N, C-alpha and C. Protein backbone atom coordinates (compact mmCIF):
# COMPACT_ATOMS: atom_id res chain seq x y z
N MET A 1 32.78 -34.07 -0.67
CA MET A 1 31.84 -33.18 -1.31
C MET A 1 30.47 -33.26 -0.63
N GLY A 2 30.05 -34.48 -0.28
CA GLY A 2 28.76 -34.68 0.38
C GLY A 2 28.72 -34.04 1.76
N ARG A 3 29.85 -34.13 2.48
CA ARG A 3 29.91 -33.54 3.81
C ARG A 3 29.83 -32.02 3.74
N LEU A 4 30.45 -31.45 2.72
CA LEU A 4 30.41 -29.99 2.55
C LEU A 4 28.98 -29.52 2.28
N LEU A 5 28.26 -30.24 1.42
CA LEU A 5 26.87 -29.88 1.15
C LEU A 5 26.00 -30.02 2.40
N LEU A 6 26.26 -31.07 3.18
CA LEU A 6 25.52 -31.26 4.42
C LEU A 6 25.80 -30.12 5.39
N LEU A 7 27.05 -29.71 5.50
CA LEU A 7 27.42 -28.61 6.38
C LEU A 7 26.77 -27.31 5.93
N VAL A 8 26.77 -27.04 4.63
CA VAL A 8 26.14 -25.83 4.11
C VAL A 8 24.64 -25.85 4.40
N ALA A 9 24.00 -27.01 4.23
CA ALA A 9 22.57 -27.12 4.50
C ALA A 9 22.26 -26.88 5.97
N ILE A 10 23.08 -27.42 6.86
CA ILE A 10 22.88 -27.23 8.30
C ILE A 10 23.04 -25.76 8.68
N VAL A 11 24.06 -25.12 8.15
CA VAL A 11 24.28 -23.69 8.43
C VAL A 11 23.11 -22.87 7.90
N TRP A 12 22.63 -23.20 6.71
CA TRP A 12 21.52 -22.46 6.11
C TRP A 12 20.25 -22.60 6.96
N ILE A 13 19.95 -23.82 7.42
CA ILE A 13 18.77 -24.05 8.26
C ILE A 13 18.92 -23.33 9.59
N ALA A 14 20.11 -23.36 10.17
CA ALA A 14 20.34 -22.66 11.43
C ALA A 14 20.14 -21.16 11.27
N LEU A 15 20.60 -20.62 10.15
CA LEU A 15 20.43 -19.20 9.89
C LEU A 15 18.94 -18.85 9.74
N LEU A 16 18.18 -19.69 9.06
CA LEU A 16 16.74 -19.45 8.92
C LEU A 16 16.04 -19.48 10.28
N LEU A 17 16.40 -20.44 11.11
CA LEU A 17 15.80 -20.52 12.44
C LEU A 17 16.17 -19.31 13.28
N TYR A 18 17.41 -18.88 13.21
CA TYR A 18 17.86 -17.72 13.97
C TYR A 18 17.09 -16.47 13.55
N ARG A 19 16.92 -16.29 12.25
CA ARG A 19 16.19 -15.11 11.75
C ARG A 19 14.72 -15.15 12.16
N SER A 20 14.11 -16.33 12.12
CA SER A 20 12.70 -16.42 12.49
C SER A 20 12.49 -16.16 13.98
N LEU A 21 13.46 -16.52 14.81
CA LEU A 21 13.35 -16.27 16.24
C LEU A 21 13.59 -14.81 16.59
N ARG A 22 14.34 -14.10 15.77
CA ARG A 22 14.62 -12.68 16.03
C ARG A 22 13.46 -11.77 15.66
N ARG A 23 12.55 -12.24 14.81
CA ARG A 23 11.42 -11.41 14.39
C ARG A 23 10.48 -11.20 15.57
N PRO A 24 9.88 -10.02 15.65
CA PRO A 24 8.91 -9.80 16.73
C PRO A 24 7.67 -10.67 16.53
N ALA A 25 7.13 -11.16 17.63
CA ALA A 25 5.97 -12.05 17.55
C ALA A 25 4.71 -11.30 17.12
N VAL A 26 4.62 -10.04 17.52
CA VAL A 26 3.45 -9.23 17.18
C VAL A 26 3.81 -8.32 16.01
N PRO A 27 3.00 -8.33 14.96
CA PRO A 27 3.31 -7.45 13.84
C PRO A 27 3.20 -5.98 14.25
N ALA A 28 4.00 -5.15 13.64
CA ALA A 28 3.99 -3.73 13.95
C ALA A 28 2.64 -3.13 13.57
N PRO A 29 2.13 -2.20 14.38
CA PRO A 29 0.85 -1.59 14.05
C PRO A 29 0.95 -0.79 12.76
N ALA A 30 -0.17 -0.68 12.08
CA ALA A 30 -0.21 0.07 10.83
C ALA A 30 0.10 1.54 11.10
N GLU A 31 0.77 2.15 10.16
CA GLU A 31 1.15 3.55 10.31
C GLU A 31 -0.10 4.42 10.25
N GLU A 32 -0.21 5.32 11.20
CA GLU A 32 -1.36 6.22 11.23
C GLU A 32 -1.03 7.46 10.42
N GLY A 33 -1.42 7.45 9.17
CA GLY A 33 -1.09 8.55 8.26
C GLY A 33 -2.04 9.72 8.37
N GLY A 34 -3.28 9.49 8.61
CA GLY A 34 -4.25 10.57 8.69
C GLY A 34 -5.64 10.02 8.48
N ALA A 35 -6.58 10.95 8.37
CA ALA A 35 -7.97 10.56 8.20
C ALA A 35 -8.20 9.98 6.81
N VAL A 36 -9.09 9.03 6.74
CA VAL A 36 -9.46 8.43 5.46
C VAL A 36 -10.46 9.37 4.78
N GLU A 37 -10.26 9.59 3.50
CA GLU A 37 -11.12 10.50 2.76
C GLU A 37 -11.80 9.75 1.62
N SER A 38 -13.05 10.08 1.37
CA SER A 38 -13.77 9.40 0.29
C SER A 38 -13.28 9.89 -1.06
N MET A 39 -13.32 8.98 -2.02
CA MET A 39 -12.89 9.28 -3.38
C MET A 39 -14.12 9.46 -4.26
N VAL A 40 -14.01 10.37 -5.24
CA VAL A 40 -15.08 10.59 -6.20
C VAL A 40 -14.52 10.43 -7.60
N ARG A 41 -15.41 10.27 -8.56
CA ARG A 41 -14.99 10.05 -9.95
C ARG A 41 -15.38 11.26 -10.80
N CYS A 42 -14.46 11.70 -11.64
CA CYS A 42 -14.73 12.81 -12.55
C CYS A 42 -15.80 12.38 -13.54
N ALA A 43 -16.82 13.22 -13.72
CA ALA A 43 -17.92 12.90 -14.63
C ALA A 43 -17.49 12.96 -16.09
N THR A 44 -16.37 13.64 -16.38
CA THR A 44 -15.92 13.78 -17.76
C THR A 44 -14.93 12.69 -18.17
N CYS A 45 -13.86 12.53 -17.41
CA CYS A 45 -12.81 11.60 -17.82
C CYS A 45 -12.76 10.31 -17.00
N GLY A 46 -13.43 10.28 -15.85
CA GLY A 46 -13.49 9.06 -15.06
C GLY A 46 -12.37 8.86 -14.06
N VAL A 47 -11.46 9.83 -13.93
CA VAL A 47 -10.36 9.68 -12.98
C VAL A 47 -10.91 9.80 -11.55
N HIS A 48 -10.32 9.04 -10.63
CA HIS A 48 -10.72 9.09 -9.22
C HIS A 48 -9.80 10.05 -8.48
N LEU A 49 -10.39 10.88 -7.60
CA LEU A 49 -9.61 11.83 -6.82
C LEU A 49 -10.30 12.05 -5.48
N PRO A 50 -9.56 12.58 -4.49
CA PRO A 50 -10.17 12.84 -3.18
C PRO A 50 -11.29 13.87 -3.31
N ARG A 51 -12.32 13.69 -2.54
CA ARG A 51 -13.48 14.59 -2.61
C ARG A 51 -13.09 16.03 -2.34
N SER A 52 -12.13 16.26 -1.45
CA SER A 52 -11.73 17.63 -1.11
C SER A 52 -11.03 18.34 -2.27
N GLU A 53 -10.48 17.60 -3.23
CA GLU A 53 -9.79 18.20 -4.37
C GLU A 53 -10.68 18.33 -5.60
N ALA A 54 -11.90 17.81 -5.52
CA ALA A 54 -12.78 17.79 -6.69
C ALA A 54 -13.54 19.11 -6.83
N PHE A 55 -13.85 19.45 -8.08
CA PHE A 55 -14.71 20.59 -8.38
C PHE A 55 -16.13 20.04 -8.48
N THR A 56 -17.08 20.73 -7.83
CA THR A 56 -18.44 20.23 -7.78
C THR A 56 -19.38 21.15 -8.54
N THR A 57 -20.22 20.56 -9.35
CA THR A 57 -21.28 21.28 -10.04
C THR A 57 -22.55 20.47 -9.83
N GLY A 58 -23.43 20.99 -9.00
CA GLY A 58 -24.63 20.22 -8.65
C GLY A 58 -24.23 18.98 -7.88
N LYS A 59 -24.61 17.82 -8.38
CA LYS A 59 -24.26 16.56 -7.73
C LYS A 59 -23.13 15.85 -8.46
N ARG A 60 -22.51 16.50 -9.43
CA ARG A 60 -21.45 15.89 -10.22
C ARG A 60 -20.09 16.42 -9.78
N PHE A 61 -19.08 15.56 -9.86
CA PHE A 61 -17.72 15.92 -9.47
C PHE A 61 -16.82 15.91 -10.69
N PHE A 62 -15.81 16.81 -10.68
CA PHE A 62 -14.88 16.94 -11.79
C PHE A 62 -13.47 17.07 -11.25
N CYS A 63 -12.48 16.64 -12.06
CA CYS A 63 -11.09 16.66 -11.62
C CYS A 63 -10.43 18.02 -11.87
N SER A 64 -11.00 18.83 -12.76
CA SER A 64 -10.41 20.14 -13.06
C SER A 64 -11.51 21.13 -13.41
N ARG A 65 -11.16 22.39 -13.37
CA ARG A 65 -12.11 23.44 -13.69
C ARG A 65 -12.57 23.34 -15.14
N SER A 66 -11.65 22.99 -16.04
CA SER A 66 -12.02 22.89 -17.46
C SER A 66 -13.03 21.76 -17.70
N HIS A 67 -12.92 20.68 -16.95
CA HIS A 67 -13.90 19.60 -17.09
C HIS A 67 -15.25 20.03 -16.52
N ALA A 68 -15.24 20.83 -15.47
CA ALA A 68 -16.50 21.29 -14.88
C ALA A 68 -17.22 22.27 -15.79
N GLU A 69 -16.47 23.02 -16.60
CA GLU A 69 -17.07 24.03 -17.49
C GLU A 69 -17.62 23.43 -18.77
N ARG A 70 -17.30 22.20 -19.07
CA ARG A 70 -17.78 21.57 -20.31
C ARG A 70 -19.27 21.34 -20.28
């Protein structure tokens, strides 16, 4: 029984070493999804959304037209 456990432990360690050696040494570069856009907060409900999707009234931003009309 002891020999079987020792054999299983050796195989497990060998497998861990094999997997660690197969990994690339340099991490993959981050995915280039697009330009980073600033986020703004709705003055009515507080939800954060991209600035391009926000409704603007003066210097205040809103998440929907109904919030901007309030």
